[in-house]
Protein backbone atom coordinates (compact mmCIF):
# COMPACT_ATOMS: atom_id res chain seq x y z
CA MET A 1 -35.95 -14.68 46.21
CA THR A 2 -35.22 -13.00 43.36
CA LEU A 3 -36.01 -13.73 39.52
CA GLU A 4 -32.97 -13.36 37.13
CA ALA A 5 -33.64 -15.06 33.62
CA ASP A 6 -31.02 -15.06 30.47
CA LEU A 7 -32.07 -15.00 27.67
CA PRO A 8 -30.42 -15.21 24.33
CA GLY A 9 -30.48 -11.96 21.40
CA ARG A 10 -28.94 -9.78 20.17
CA THR A 11 -29.08 -5.57 19.49
CA SER A 12 -28.94 -3.93 16.00
CA PRO A 13 -28.23 0.17 16.06
CA TYR A 14 -30.31 2.34 14.42
CA GLU A 15 -27.78 5.04 12.88
CA VAL A 16 -25.14 2.71 10.86
CA SER A 17 -22.75 4.58 8.76
CA ASP A 18 -19.48 2.99 6.73
CA VAL A 19 -15.90 5.14 7.02
CA ARG A 20 -13.71 4.57 3.82
CA PRO A 21 -11.37 6.13 2.55
CA GLN A 22 -12.50 7.67 -0.68
CA VAL A 23 -9.23 7.25 -2.78
CA ASN A 24 -6.91 4.82 -3.54
CA GLY A 25 -3.67 4.32 -1.44
CA ILE A 26 -1.73 2.78 1.83
CA ILE A 27 -3.32 3.93 5.22
CA GLN A 28 -1.12 5.62 7.02
CA SER A 29 -3.12 6.86 9.82
CA ARG A 30 -7.08 6.72 10.60
CA LEU A 31 -7.30 9.88 13.45
CA PHE A 32 -10.58 8.79 14.83
CA GLU A 33 -11.67 6.51 17.52
CA GLU A 34 -13.67 3.10 16.01
CA GLY A 35 -17.67 3.65 16.61
CA SER A 36 -17.33 8.06 18.04
CA ASN A 37 -19.11 10.63 16.08
CA VAL A 38 -17.36 12.28 13.61
CA ARG A 39 -17.94 15.86 12.35
CA ALA A 40 -18.22 17.62 8.76
CA ASN A 41 -15.22 18.37 7.11
CA GLN A 42 -13.45 15.98 10.04
CA LEU A 43 -9.80 15.00 8.46
CA LEU A 44 -10.44 10.55 9.68
CA TYR A 45 -7.35 9.30 7.80
CA VAL A 46 -3.37 10.18 6.72
CA ILE A 47 -2.88 8.10 3.11
CA ASP A 48 0.28 7.93 1.78
CA PRO A 49 1.11 11.03 -0.60
CA ALA A 50 3.81 9.01 -2.72
CA PRO A 51 1.39 7.47 -5.84
CA TYR A 52 0.13 10.40 -5.87
CA ARG A 53 3.10 12.69 -5.96
CA ALA A 54 4.75 10.30 -8.30
CA THR A 55 2.03 10.25 -10.92
CA TYR A 56 1.54 14.48 -10.48
CA ASP A 57 5.35 15.01 -11.29
CA GLN A 58 5.38 12.41 -14.29
CA ALA A 59 2.64 14.10 -15.79
CA VAL A 60 5.02 17.84 -15.13
CA ALA A 61 7.13 16.11 -17.07
CA LEU A 62 5.67 14.94 -20.08
CA LEU A 63 4.49 18.38 -20.18
CA ALA A 64 7.75 20.30 -20.12
CA ASN A 65 8.12 17.42 -22.97
CA ALA A 66 5.40 18.83 -24.97
CA ARG A 67 6.26 22.33 -24.68
CA ALA A 68 9.77 21.63 -25.91
CA ALA A 69 8.76 19.68 -28.59
CA VAL A 70 6.24 22.78 -29.52
CA VAL A 71 9.15 24.92 -29.29
CA THR A 72 11.21 22.50 -31.94
CA ALA A 73 8.06 22.33 -34.32
CA LYS A 74 6.93 25.78 -34.31
CA LEU A 75 10.35 27.05 -35.29
CA LYS A 76 10.87 24.03 -38.31
CA ALA A 77 7.24 25.03 -39.19
CA GLU A 78 8.18 28.62 -39.47
CA ARG A 79 11.55 27.85 -41.40
CA TYR A 80 9.54 25.53 -44.11
CA ALA A 81 7.24 27.93 -44.54
CA ALA A 82 9.64 30.56 -46.04
CA LEU A 83 11.31 27.78 -48.04
CA SER A 84 8.44 27.33 -49.29
CA LYS A 85 8.02 30.96 -50.17
CA VAL A 86 11.18 30.41 -52.40
CA ASP A 87 10.57 26.91 -53.86
CA SER A 88 13.09 25.70 -51.92
CA ILE A 89 10.92 22.94 -50.28
CA SER A 90 8.27 21.57 -51.60
CA GLN A 91 4.42 22.89 -50.35
CA GLN A 92 3.16 19.21 -48.73
CA ALA A 93 6.97 19.97 -46.72
CA ALA A 94 5.06 23.16 -45.32
CA ASP A 95 1.89 21.71 -44.34
CA ASP A 96 3.36 18.23 -43.27
CA ALA A 97 5.56 20.85 -40.42
CA LYS A 98 2.56 23.21 -40.03
CA ALA A 99 0.92 20.31 -39.01
CA GLY A 100 2.62 19.08 -36.42
CA ALA A 101 3.46 22.24 -35.23
CA ASP A 102 -0.42 22.26 -34.00
CA GLU A 103 -0.29 19.09 -32.90
CA ALA A 104 2.28 19.71 -30.91
CA ALA A 105 0.59 22.98 -29.37
CA ALA A 106 -2.26 20.79 -28.80
CA THR A 107 -0.54 18.36 -27.38
CA SER A 108 0.55 21.19 -24.12
CA PHE A 109 -2.40 22.95 -24.48
CA ILE A 110 -0.37 26.07 -26.37
CA ARG A 111 -1.79 27.54 -29.17
CA ALA A 112 1.56 28.48 -31.79
């Protein structure tokens, strides 16, 4: 007769790795099998790019707006500088226009 014994027990793995995306977003698909080995630089998830695309598009639009403001502020500063030389406007107005051009240039990362 064979002796058998059923005993409760637990096993625990000697290596464990949690696989999580490093960015926030909606996961569209998982490209690995749970419990399988993965290679370095293997694509693991496909994350919905829509929120990131919207943020990028918004940043591009803000940059275009800032660049347009630079052109306007620079032209105004040049006109005011010329008018200030012939005492047609106050020096303060010319200084304010120059400061506005410098501020617009700093905002858009363009040198005035």
